[in-house]
C-alpha atoms as a PDB file:
ATOM      1  CA  MET A   1      71.738  95.508 130.116  1.00  0.00           C
ATOM      2  CA  SER A   2      72.576  99.051 129.015  1.00  0.00           C
ATOM      3  CA  LEU A   3      73.947 100.231 125.651  1.00  0.00           C
ATOM      4  CA  ASN A   4      76.328 103.088 125.035  1.00  0.00           C
ATOM      5  CA  LEU A   5      75.678 105.846 122.511  1.00  0.00           C
ATOM      6  CA  ARG A   6      77.793 104.228 119.777  1.00  0.00           C
ATOM      7  CA  GLN A   7      75.897 100.962 120.056  1.00  0.00           C
ATOM      8  CA  ILE A   8      72.586 102.816 119.953  1.00  0.00           C
ATOM      9  CA  GLU A   9      73.794 104.696 116.866  1.00  0.00           C
ATOM     10  CA  VAL A  10      74.623 101.421 115.088  1.00  0.00           C
ATOM     11  CA  PHE A  11      71.245  99.921 116.003  1.00  0.00           C
ATOM     12  CA  ARG A  12      69.462 103.005 114.690  1.00  0.00           C
ATOM     13  CA  ALA A  13      71.410 102.957 111.420  1.00  0.00           C
ATOM     14  CA  ILE A  14      70.458  99.319 110.822  1.00  0.00           C
ATOM     15  CA  MET A  15      66.803 100.076 111.570  1.00  0.00           C
ATOM     16  CA  LEU A  16      66.817 103.003 109.147  1.00  0.00           C
ATOM     17  CA  THR A  17      68.522 101.152 106.293  1.00  0.00           C
ATOM     18  CA  GLN A  18      67.344  97.593 107.039  1.00  0.00           C
ATOM     19  CA  SER A  19      70.756  96.246 106.066  1.00  0.00           C
ATOM     20  CA  ILE A  20      74.335  95.932 107.272  1.00  0.00           C
ATOM     21  CA  THR A  21      75.548  97.465 104.010  1.00  0.00           C
ATOM     22  CA  GLY A  22      73.291 100.495 104.321  1.00  0.00           C
ATOM     23  CA  ALA A  23      74.238 101.011 107.962  1.00  0.00           C
ATOM     24  CA  SER A  24      77.956 100.852 107.164  1.00  0.00           C
ATOM     25  CA  GLN A  25      77.522 103.465 104.433  1.00  0.00           C
ATOM     26  CA  LEU A  26      75.467 105.685 106.714  1.00  0.00           C
ATOM     27  CA  LEU A  27      78.050 105.476 109.492  1.00  0.00           C
ATOM     28  CA  HIS A  28      81.111 105.442 107.199  1.00  0.00           C
ATOM     29  CA  VAL A  29      82.498 102.265 108.745  1.00  0.00           C
ATOM     30  CA  SER A  30      83.166  98.789 107.365  1.00  0.00           C
ATOM     31  CA  GLN A  31      80.458  96.142 107.069  1.00  0.00           C
ATOM     32  CA  PRO A  32      82.355  93.685 109.312  1.00  0.00           C
ATOM     33  CA  ALA A  33      82.533  96.346 112.023  1.00  0.00           C
ATOM     34  CA  VAL A  34      78.755  96.850 111.879  1.00  0.00           C
ATOM     35  CA  SER A  35      78.148  93.082 111.930  1.00  0.00           C
ATOM     36  CA  ARG A  36      80.380  92.640 114.964  1.00  0.00           C
ATOM     37  CA  LEU A  37      78.684  95.478 116.797  1.00  0.00           C
ATOM     38  CA  LEU A  38      75.229  94.098 116.011  1.00  0.00           C
ATOM     39  CA  SER A  39      76.198  90.687 117.386  1.00  0.00           C
ATOM     40  CA  TYR A  40      77.594  92.337 120.490  1.00  0.00           C
ATOM     41  CA  ILE A  41      74.458  94.470 120.929  1.00  0.00           C
ATOM     42  CA  GLU A  42      72.164  91.425 120.729  1.00  0.00           C
ATOM     43  CA  THR A  43      74.361  89.586 123.232  1.00  0.00           C
ATOM     44  CA  ARG A  44      74.340  92.632 125.462  1.00  0.00           C
ATOM     45  CA  VAL A  45      70.549  93.102 125.506  1.00  0.00           C
ATOM     46  CA  GLY A  46      69.851  89.383 125.744  1.00  0.00           C
ATOM     47  CA  PHE A  47      67.323  89.049 122.918  1.00  0.00           C
ATOM     48  CA  VAL A  48      67.241  88.936 119.114  1.00  0.00           C
ATOM     49  CA  LEU A  49      66.805  92.284 117.377  1.00  0.00           C
ATOM     50  CA  PHE A  50      66.831  91.104 113.755  1.00  0.00           C
ATOM     51  CA  GLU A  51      65.814  87.914 112.009  1.00  0.00           C
ATOM     52  CA  ARG A  52      68.128  86.848 109.180  1.00  0.00           C
ATOM     53  CA  ILE A  53      66.007  85.532 106.311  1.00  0.00           C
ATOM     54  CA  LYS A  54      67.576  84.811 102.911  1.00  0.00           C
ATOM     55  CA  GLY A  55      70.383  87.246 103.548  1.00  0.00           C
ATOM     56  CA  ARG A  56      68.134  90.102 104.663  1.00  0.00           C
ATOM     57  CA  LEU A  57      67.493  91.617 108.061  1.00  0.00           C
ATOM     58  CA  TYR A  58      63.974  91.908 109.463  1.00  0.00           C
ATOM     59  CA  ALA A  59      63.406  93.815 112.695  1.00  0.00           C
ATOM     60  CA  THR A  60      61.702  91.895 115.493  1.00  0.00           C
ATOM     61  CA  PRO A  61      58.808  93.452 117.449  1.00  0.00           C
ATOM     62  CA  GLU A  62      61.254  94.078 120.292  1.00  0.00           C
ATOM     63  CA  ALA A  63      63.552  95.975 117.934  1.00  0.00           C
ATOM     64  CA  ARG A  64      60.686  98.121 116.663  1.00  0.00           C
ATOM     65  CA  GLN A  65      59.655  98.972 120.227  1.00  0.00           C
ATOM     66  CA  LEU A  66      63.240  99.879 121.124  1.00  0.00           C
ATOM     67  CA  PHE A  67      63.542 101.969 117.956  1.00  0.00           C
ATOM     68  CA  GLN A  68      60.626 104.177 119.030  1.00  0.00           C
ATOM     69  CA  GLU A  69      62.493 105.085 122.216  1.00  0.00           C
ATOM     70  CA  VAL A  70      65.725 105.650 120.298  1.00  0.00           C
ATOM     71  CA  GLU A  71      63.982 108.036 117.887  1.00  0.00           C
ATOM     72  CA  THR A  72      62.614 110.031 120.816  1.00  0.00           C
ATOM     73  CA  VAL A  73      66.172 110.508 122.057  1.00  0.00           C
ATOM     74  CA  TYR A  74      67.448 111.476 118.603  1.00  0.00           C
ATOM     75  CA  LYS A  75      64.721 114.065 118.146  1.00  0.00           C
ATOM     76  CA  GLY A  76      65.778 115.585 121.445  1.00  0.00           C
ATOM     77  CA  VAL A  77      69.395 115.665 120.280  1.00  0.00           C
ATOM     78  CA  GLN A  78      68.335 117.342 117.024  1.00  0.00           C
ATOM     79  CA  ARG A  79      66.485 120.025 118.987  1.00  0.00           C
ATOM     80  CA  ILE A  80      69.575 120.601 121.124  1.00  0.00           C
ATOM     81  CA  ASN A  81      71.794 120.943 118.049  1.00  0.00           C
ATOM     82  CA  GLN A  82      69.319 123.316 116.416  1.00  0.00           C
ATOM     83  CA  SER A  83      69.305 125.458 119.562  1.00  0.00           C
ATOM     84  CA  ILE A  84      73.116 125.532 119.553  1.00  0.00           C
ATOM     85  CA  ASN A  85      73.141 126.645 115.909  1.00  0.00           C
ATOM     86  CA  ASP A  86      70.599 129.356 116.649  1.00  0.00           C
ATOM     87  CA  LEU A  87      72.717 130.667 119.517  1.00  0.00           C
ATOM     88  CA  VAL A  88      75.940 130.580 117.480  1.00  0.00           C
ATOM     89  CA  GLU A  89      74.371 132.330 114.493  1.00  0.00           C
ATOM     90  CA  LYS A  90      72.313 134.649 116.731  1.00  0.00           C
ATOM     91  CA  ARG A  91      69.059 133.501 115.194  1.00  0.00           C
ATOM     92  CA  SER A  92      67.143 134.273 118.377  1.00  0.00           C
ATOM     93  CA  LEU A  93      63.825 134.803 116.594  1.00  0.00           C
ATOM     94  CA  ALA A  94      62.222 131.389 116.850  1.00  0.00           C
ATOM     95  CA  LEU A  95      58.686 130.436 117.824  1.00  0.00           C
ATOM     96  CA  ARG A  96      57.156 127.026 118.484  1.00  0.00           C
ATOM     97  CA  LEU A  97      53.389 127.404 118.135  1.00  0.00           C
ATOM     98  CA  CYS A  98      50.657 124.816 118.549  1.00  0.00           C
ATOM     99  CA  CYS A  99      46.969 125.346 117.853  1.00  0.00           C
ATOM    100  CA  SER A 100      43.671 123.521 117.867  1.00  0.00           C
ATOM    101  CA  PRO A 101      43.193 121.610 114.591  1.00  0.00           C
ATOM    102  CA  SER A 102      40.224 123.742 113.493  1.00  0.00           C
ATOM    103  CA  LEU A 103      42.433 126.859 113.596  1.00  0.00           C
ATOM    104  CA  SER A 104      45.253 125.374 111.518  1.00  0.00           C
ATOM    105  CA  GLN A 105      43.719 126.341 108.162  1.00  0.00           C
ATOM    106  CA  THR A 106      42.410 129.788 109.046  1.00  0.00           C
ATOM    107  CA  LEU A 107      43.513 131.863 112.010  1.00  0.00           C
ATOM    108  CA  ALA A 108      46.982 130.397 112.616  1.00  0.00           C
ATOM    109  CA  PRO A 109      48.247 130.638 108.992  1.00  0.00           C
ATOM    110  CA  LYS A 110      46.996 134.220 108.646  1.00  0.00           C
ATOM    111  CA  ALA A 111      48.530 135.305 111.933  1.00  0.00           C
ATOM    112  CA  LEU A 112      51.853 133.666 111.074  1.00  0.00           C
ATOM    113  CA  ALA A 113      51.872 135.217 107.601  1.00  0.00           C
ATOM    114  CA  MET A 114      51.512 138.662 109.152  1.00  0.00           C
ATOM    115  CA  LEU A 115      54.143 137.833 111.765  1.00  0.00           C
ATOM    116  CA  GLY A 116      56.502 136.552 109.070  1.00  0.00           C
ATOM    117  CA  SER A 117      56.171 139.747 107.064  1.00  0.00           C
ATOM    118  CA  ARG A 118      57.412 141.684 110.093  1.00  0.00           C
ATOM    119  CA  TYR A 119      60.142 139.194 110.982  1.00  0.00           C
ATOM    120  CA  PRO A 120      61.229 137.456 107.760  1.00  0.00           C
ATOM    121  CA  GLU A 121      64.276 135.960 109.488  1.00  0.00           C
ATOM    122  CA  ALA A 122      62.182 134.206 112.139  1.00  0.00           C
ATOM    123  CA  ARG A 123      61.964 130.419 112.240  1.00  0.00           C
ATOM    124  CA  ILE A 124      58.473 129.235 113.170  1.00  0.00           C
ATOM    125  CA  LEU A 125      57.234 125.730 113.942  1.00  0.00           C
ATOM    126  CA  LEU A 126      53.465 125.149 113.759  1.00  0.00           C
ATOM    127  CA  ASP A 127      51.726 121.961 114.879  1.00  0.00           C
ATOM    128  CA  THR A 128      48.187 120.972 115.845  1.00  0.00           C
ATOM    129  CA  LYS A 129      47.286 119.579 119.265  1.00  0.00           C
ATOM    130  CA  ASN A 130      44.129 118.520 121.051  1.00  0.00           C
ATOM    131  CA  MET A 131      43.574 120.165 124.418  1.00  0.00           C
ATOM    132  CA  ALA A 132      45.283 117.525 126.579  1.00  0.00           C
ATOM    133  CA  ASP A 133      48.339 117.387 124.316  1.00  0.00           C
ATOM    134  CA  MET A 134      48.478 121.185 124.104  1.00  0.00           C
ATOM    135  CA  ILE A 135      48.540 121.488 127.892  1.00  0.00           C
ATOM    136  CA  ASN A 136      51.366 118.967 128.148  1.00  0.00           C
ATOM    137  CA  ALA A 137      53.331 120.567 125.293  1.00  0.00           C
ATOM    138  CA  LEU A 138      53.141 124.002 126.923  1.00  0.00           C
ATOM    139  CA  LEU A 139      53.990 122.740 130.402  1.00  0.00           C
ATOM    140  CA  THR A 140      57.069 120.886 129.147  1.00  0.00           C
ATOM    141  CA  GLN A 141      58.055 123.835 126.924  1.00  0.00           C
ATOM    142  CA  GLU A 142      57.976 121.631 123.834  1.00  0.00           C
ATOM    143  CA  PHE A 143      55.926 124.541 122.499  1.00  0.00           C
ATOM    144  CA  GLU A 144      56.086 128.132 123.681  1.00  0.00           C
ATOM    145  CA  PHE A 145      52.663 129.368 122.600  1.00  0.00           C
ATOM    146  CA  GLY A 146      49.248 127.833 122.016  1.00  0.00           C
ATOM    147  CA  ILE A 147      46.016 129.001 120.397  1.00  0.00           C
ATOM    148  CA  SER A 148      43.012 127.048 121.658  1.00  0.00           C
ATOM    149  CA  ILE A 149      39.369 127.007 120.580  1.00  0.00           C
ATOM    150  CA  GLN A 150      38.309 126.986 124.223  1.00  0.00           C
ATOM    151  CA  PRO A 151      39.662 128.297 127.540  1.00  0.00           C
ATOM    152  CA  ILE A 152      42.222 126.104 129.275  1.00  0.00           C
ATOM    153  CA  GLU A 153      42.208 126.080 133.066  1.00  0.00           C
ATOM    154  CA  HIS A 154      45.538 125.114 134.599  1.00  0.00           C
ATOM    155  CA  PRO A 155      47.364 126.735 137.531  1.00  0.00           C
ATOM    156  CA  ASN A 156      50.639 126.915 135.597  1.00  0.00           C
ATOM    157  CA  LEU A 157      49.251 128.298 132.338  1.00  0.00           C
ATOM    158  CA  GLU A 158      48.145 131.802 131.364  1.00  0.00           C
ATOM    159  CA  CYS A 159      44.991 131.747 129.229  1.00  0.00           C
ATOM    160  CA  LEU A 160      43.834 134.992 127.603  1.00  0.00           C
ATOM    161  CA  PRO A 161      40.630 135.233 125.529  1.00  0.00           C
ATOM    162  CA  ILE A 162      41.375 136.816 122.161  1.00  0.00           C
ATOM    163  CA  TYR A 163      38.219 136.356 120.116  1.00  0.00           C
ATOM    164  CA  GLU A 164      34.665 135.065 120.361  1.00  0.00           C
ATOM    165  CA  SER A 165      33.694 133.154 117.255  1.00  0.00           C
ATOM    166  CA  PRO A 166      29.942 132.640 116.726  1.00  0.00           C
ATOM    167  CA  LEU A 167      28.726 129.222 115.679  1.00  0.00           C
ATOM    168  CA  ASN A 168      27.077 128.922 112.277  1.00  0.00           C
ATOM    169  CA  VAL A 169      25.226 126.212 110.431  1.00  0.00           C
ATOM    170  CA  ALA A 170      27.005 125.099 107.257  1.00  0.00           C
ATOM    171  CA  VAL A 171      24.871 123.669 104.460  1.00  0.00           C
ATOM    172  CA  PRO A 172      25.684 122.530 100.909  1.00  0.00           C
ATOM    173  CA  PRO A 173      24.999 124.908  98.019  1.00  0.00           C
ATOM    174  CA  GLY A 174      21.392 124.762  96.870  1.00  0.00           C
ATOM    175  CA  HIS A 175      20.186 123.170 100.104  1.00  0.00           C
ATOM    176  CA  LYS A 176      16.677 124.154 101.219  1.00  0.00           C
ATOM    177  CA  LEU A 177      18.000 125.470 104.542  1.00  0.00           C
ATOM    178  CA  ALA A 178      20.089 128.029 102.660  1.00  0.00           C
ATOM    179  CA  GLU A 179      16.875 129.968 102.024  1.00  0.00           C
ATOM    180  CA  SER A 180      16.559 130.836 105.736  1.00  0.00           C
ATOM    181  CA  SER A 181      18.352 133.795 107.294  1.00  0.00           C
ATOM    182  CA  MET A 182      18.872 131.916 110.586  1.00  0.00           C
ATOM    183  CA  LEU A 183      18.712 128.233 111.499  1.00  0.00           C
ATOM    184  CA  THR A 184      17.703 126.580 114.752  1.00  0.00           C
ATOM    185  CA  VAL A 185      18.779 123.310 116.301  1.00  0.00           C
ATOM    186  CA  GLU A 186      15.278 122.040 115.480  1.00  0.00           C
ATOM    187  CA  ASP A 187      15.986 122.685 111.780  1.00  0.00           C
ATOM    188  CA  ILE A 188      19.227 120.724 112.018  1.00  0.00           C
ATOM    189  CA  ALA A 189      17.583 117.784 113.771  1.00  0.00           C
ATOM    190  CA  GLN A 190      15.560 117.116 110.609  1.00  0.00           C
ATOM    191  CA  GLU A 191      18.662 116.818 108.410  1.00  0.00           C
ATOM    192  CA  ARG A 192      21.661 114.531 107.987  1.00  0.00           C
ATOM    193  CA  TYR A 193      23.758 115.979 110.772  1.00  0.00           C
ATOM    194  CA  ILE A 194      27.551 115.888 110.822  1.00  0.00           C
ATOM    195  CA  ALA A 195      28.509 115.812 114.508  1.00  0.00           C
ATOM    196  CA  TYR A 196      31.735 116.022 116.513  1.00  0.00           C
ATOM    197  CA  GLY A 197      32.917 113.388 118.959  1.00  0.00           C
ATOM    198  CA  LEU A 198      31.935 113.919 122.573  1.00  0.00           C
ATOM    199  CA  ASP A 199      35.634 113.892 123.465  1.00  0.00           C
ATOM    200  CA  THR A 200      36.166 117.115 121.476  1.00  0.00           C
ATOM    201  CA  PRO A 201      35.555 120.663 122.772  1.00  0.00           C
ATOM    202  CA  LEU A 202      33.012 121.481 120.067  1.00  0.00           C
ATOM    203  CA  GLY A 203      31.273 118.126 120.483  1.00  0.00           C
ATOM    204  CA  ILE A 204      30.832 118.724 124.218  1.00  0.00           C
ATOM    205  CA  LEU A 205      29.533 122.273 123.679  1.00  0.00           C
ATOM    206  CA  LEU A 206      27.033 121.287 120.987  1.00  0.00           C
ATOM    207  CA  ASP A 207      25.774 118.343 123.023  1.00  0.00           C
ATOM    208  CA  MET A 208      24.930 120.859 125.765  1.00  0.00           C
ATOM    209  CA  VAL A 209      23.197 123.136 123.236  1.00  0.00           C
ATOM    210  CA  PHE A 210      20.991 120.333 121.903  1.00  0.00           C
ATOM    211  CA  ARG A 211      20.166 119.091 125.402  1.00  0.00           C
ATOM    212  CA  SER A 212      19.240 122.612 126.537  1.00  0.00           C
ATOM    213  CA  GLN A 213      16.649 122.673 123.755  1.00  0.00           C
ATOM    214  CA  GLY A 214      15.339 119.219 124.649  1.00  0.00           C
ATOM    215  CA  ILE A 215      16.586 117.688 121.409  1.00  0.00           C
ATOM    216  CA  GLU A 216      18.231 114.288 121.121  1.00  0.00           C
ATOM    217  CA  ILE A 217      19.954 114.103 117.772  1.00  0.00           C
ATOM    218  CA  ARG A 218      21.311 111.085 115.901  1.00  0.00           C
ATOM    219  CA  PRO A 219      24.320 112.058 113.792  1.00  0.00           C
ATOM    220  CA  ALA A 220      24.713 110.690 110.279  1.00  0.00           C
ATOM    221  CA  VAL A 221      28.488 111.199 110.394  1.00  0.00           C
ATOM    222  CA  GLU A 222      30.838 111.841 113.320  1.00  0.00           C
ATOM    223  CA  VAL A 223      34.150 113.679 112.882  1.00  0.00           C
ATOM    224  CA  ARG A 224      36.772 115.285 115.121  1.00  0.00           C
ATOM    225  CA  HIS A 225      37.651 118.493 113.293  1.00  0.00           C
ATOM    226  CA  THR A 226      35.692 121.323 111.682  1.00  0.00           C
ATOM    227  CA  HIS A 227      37.687 121.261 108.448  1.00  0.00           C
ATOM    228  CA  THR A 228      36.614 117.621 108.007  1.00  0.00           C
ATOM    229  CA  ALA A 229      33.008 118.661 108.599  1.00  0.00           C
ATOM    230  CA  CYS A 230      33.375 121.477 106.049  1.00  0.00           C
ATOM    231  CA  ALA A 231      34.712 119.078 103.434  1.00  0.00           C
ATOM    232  CA  LEU A 232      31.751 116.765 104.002  1.00  0.00           C
ATOM    233  CA  VAL A 233      29.260 119.638 103.762  1.00  0.00           C
ATOM    234  CA  GLN A 234      30.849 120.954 100.576  1.00  0.00           C
ATOM    235  CA  ASN A 235      30.449 117.495  99.041  1.00  0.00           C
ATOM    236  CA  GLY A 236      26.786 117.259 100.036  1.00  0.00           C
ATOM    237  CA  ALA A 237      27.166 114.706 102.846  1.00  0.00           C
ATOM    238  CA  GLY A 238      25.028 116.663 105.301  1.00  0.00           C
ATOM    239  CA  VAL A 239      24.883 119.816 107.415  1.00  0.00           C
ATOM    240  CA  ALA A 240      27.213 120.796 110.251  1.00  0.00           C
ATOM    241  CA  ILE A 241      27.679 123.418 112.933  1.00  0.00           C
ATOM    242  CA  ILE A 242      31.003 125.203 112.636  1.00  0.00           C
ATOM    243  CA  ASP A 243      32.716 128.197 114.170  1.00  0.00           C
ATOM    244  CA  GLY A 244      33.006 131.387 112.154  1.00  0.00           C
ATOM    245  CA  LEU A 245      36.758 131.024 111.690  1.00  0.00           C
ATOM    246  CA  SER A 246      36.423 127.662 109.941  1.00  0.00           C
ATOM    247  CA  VAL A 247      34.966 129.308 106.838  1.00  0.00           C
ATOM    248  CA  ASN A 248      36.997 132.496 107.120  1.00  0.00           C
ATOM    249  CA  GLY A 249      38.822 133.084 103.850  1.00  0.00           C
ATOM    250  CA  ARG A 250      38.332 130.980 100.716  1.00  0.00           C
ATOM    251  CA  SER A 251      38.926 127.436 101.926  1.00  0.00           C
ATOM    252  CA  TRP A 252      35.304 126.376 101.394  1.00  0.00           C
ATOM    253  CA  PRO A 253      33.858 128.641  98.671  1.00  0.00           C
ATOM    254  CA  SER A 254      30.743 126.529  98.046  1.00  0.00           C
ATOM    255  CA  ILE A 255      29.528 126.285 101.627  1.00  0.00           C
ATOM    256  CA  VAL A 256      26.543 128.398 102.676  1.00  0.00           C
ATOM    257  CA  THR A 257      26.482 129.477 106.330  1.00  0.00           C
ATOM    258  CA  ARG A 258      23.671 130.813 108.460  1.00  0.00           C
ATOM    259  CA  PRO A 259      23.705 131.963 112.122  1.00  0.00           C
ATOM    260  CA  LEU A 260      22.750 129.336 114.685  1.00  0.00           C
ATOM    261  CA  ALA A 261      19.914 129.889 117.142  1.00  0.00           C
ATOM    262  CA  PRO A 262      20.308 129.922 120.067  1.00  0.00           C
ATOM    263  CA  HIS A 263      23.287 132.239 119.646  1.00  0.00           C
ATOM    264  CA  THR A 264      26.386 130.331 120.756  1.00  0.00           C
ATOM    265  CA  VAL A 265      30.052 131.279 120.654  1.00  0.00           C
ATOM    266  CA  ILE A 266      33.390 129.606 121.227  1.00  0.00           C
ATOM    267  CA  THR A 267      36.176 131.574 122.864  1.00  0.00           C
ATOM    268  CA  ILE A 268      39.535 131.489 121.093  1.00  0.00           C
ATOM    269  CA  CYS A 269      42.353 131.799 123.632  1.00  0.00           C
ATOM    270  CA  ALA A 270      46.079 132.422 123.672  1.00  0.00           C
ATOM    271  CA  VAL A 271      47.819 130.076 126.100  1.00  0.00           C
ATOM    272  CA  TYR A 272      51.379 130.059 127.441  1.00  0.00           C
ATOM    273  CA  SER A 273      53.355 129.226 130.578  1.00  0.00           C
ATOM    274  CA  LYS A 274      53.100 131.490 133.612  1.00  0.00           C
ATOM    275  CA  PHE A 275      56.672 130.668 134.582  1.00  0.00           C
ATOM    276  CA  HIS A 276      58.553 130.966 131.274  1.00  0.00           C
ATOM    277  CA  PRO A 277      58.696 134.465 129.745  1.00  0.00           C
ATOM    278  CA  LEU A 278      57.579 134.693 126.127  1.00  0.00           C
ATOM    279  CA  SER A 279      60.237 135.348 123.523  1.00  0.00           C
ATOM    280  CA  MET A 280      60.176 138.626 121.634  1.00  0.00           C
ATOM    281  CA  ILE A 281      58.378 137.058 118.691  1.00  0.00           C
ATOM    282  CA  GLY A 282      55.993 135.308 121.095  1.00  0.00           C
ATOM    283  CA  ARG A 283      55.106 138.656 122.660  1.00  0.00           C
ATOM    284  CA  GLU A 284      54.585 140.109 119.191  1.00  0.00           C
ATOM    285  CA  LEU A 285      52.192 137.293 118.279  1.00  0.00           C
ATOM    286  CA  LEU A 286      50.286 137.827 121.522  1.00  0.00           C
ATOM    287  CA  ALA A 287      49.954 141.545 120.782  1.00  0.00           C
ATOM    288  CA  LEU A 288      48.724 140.688 117.293  1.00  0.00           C
ATOM    289  CA  LEU A 289      46.039 138.420 118.699  1.00  0.00           C
ATOM    290  CA  LEU A 290      44.794 140.605 121.542  1.00  0.00           C
ATOM    291  CA  GLY A 291      42.165 142.533 119.637  1.00  0.00           C
ATOM    292  CA  ASN A 292      44.054 145.361 117.952  1.00  0.00           C
ATOM    293  CA  THR A 293      43.035 146.710 114.539  1.00  0.00           C
ATOM    294  CA  THR A 294      45.379 144.380 112.697  1.00  0.00           C
ATOM    295  CA  TYR A 295      43.856 141.334 114.361  1.00  0.00           C
ATOM    296  CA  LYS A 296      40.304 142.453 113.607  1.00  0.00           C
ATOM    297  CA  GLU A 297      41.328 142.770 109.968  1.00  0.00           C
ATOM    298  CA  LEU A 298      42.808 139.301 110.218  1.00  0.00           C
ATOM    299  CA  VAL A 299      39.663 137.537 111.426  1.00  0.00           C
ATOM    300  CA  SER A 300      37.368 139.427 109.063  1.00  0.00           C
ATOM    301  CA  ALA A 301      39.458 138.922 105.916  1.00  0.00           C
ATOM    302  CA  ARG A 302      37.790 136.947 103.152  1.00  0.00           C
END
């Protein structure tokens, strides 16, 4: 049986406050009114939403599952209301940006800082996404712009290479490998190696690199993101292969990096919909990332 918006609102208020009293205060209605509506809602749906134990309400598994769907709807409503406010107040400068997790502590913050200095009134949302989620977020226009650590091939998405980041070997301070000017995959195979999952872009690429050299490596630790690998290296847990942007800046001051042989790069790409024009601030970010002098300063800053 279906529920109307008011009934859904009452259910949500009870889930948020875990009490009739809290829900009545949140909704500015009387407690008896909330109790009556809850009884009606449970009758309407045909199953129990809350267990009453010693005067307290405890959500059933069915209620928790329903609440997840309700929250999805409410987040959509919040986005609609925010868009209305932006239109009314003429705050047209808004950007929803997603990026690969390994870029969230280096490239993306620096680019957005420079963008924010030019457009201080802009409202920017930044989130991290793996490749599959990034594709879906861009196709549905949940996000306008993406920065990926590898090219994305999709007929409805534009993917422009913006930077090639060489892979380096990261070792702890004082490690014997730090004495070399360049490190090979054979060198790494002798050490405690921090690897990436084979369901990650970097994990897939590095698996190909090791196989091309005839090396089968057994990782000591497996992670998903380069900043996790950097934290492990800095604490002496092993050695890792990372892209140049992961250690750009001062996030990992103790890590020593050396070029990897064979020379391998990852291609950082800007990604957006082919069928939805970029906003003004989106176009400005794209221009910033497409290899002009400002961008080269950005990726080389330390």
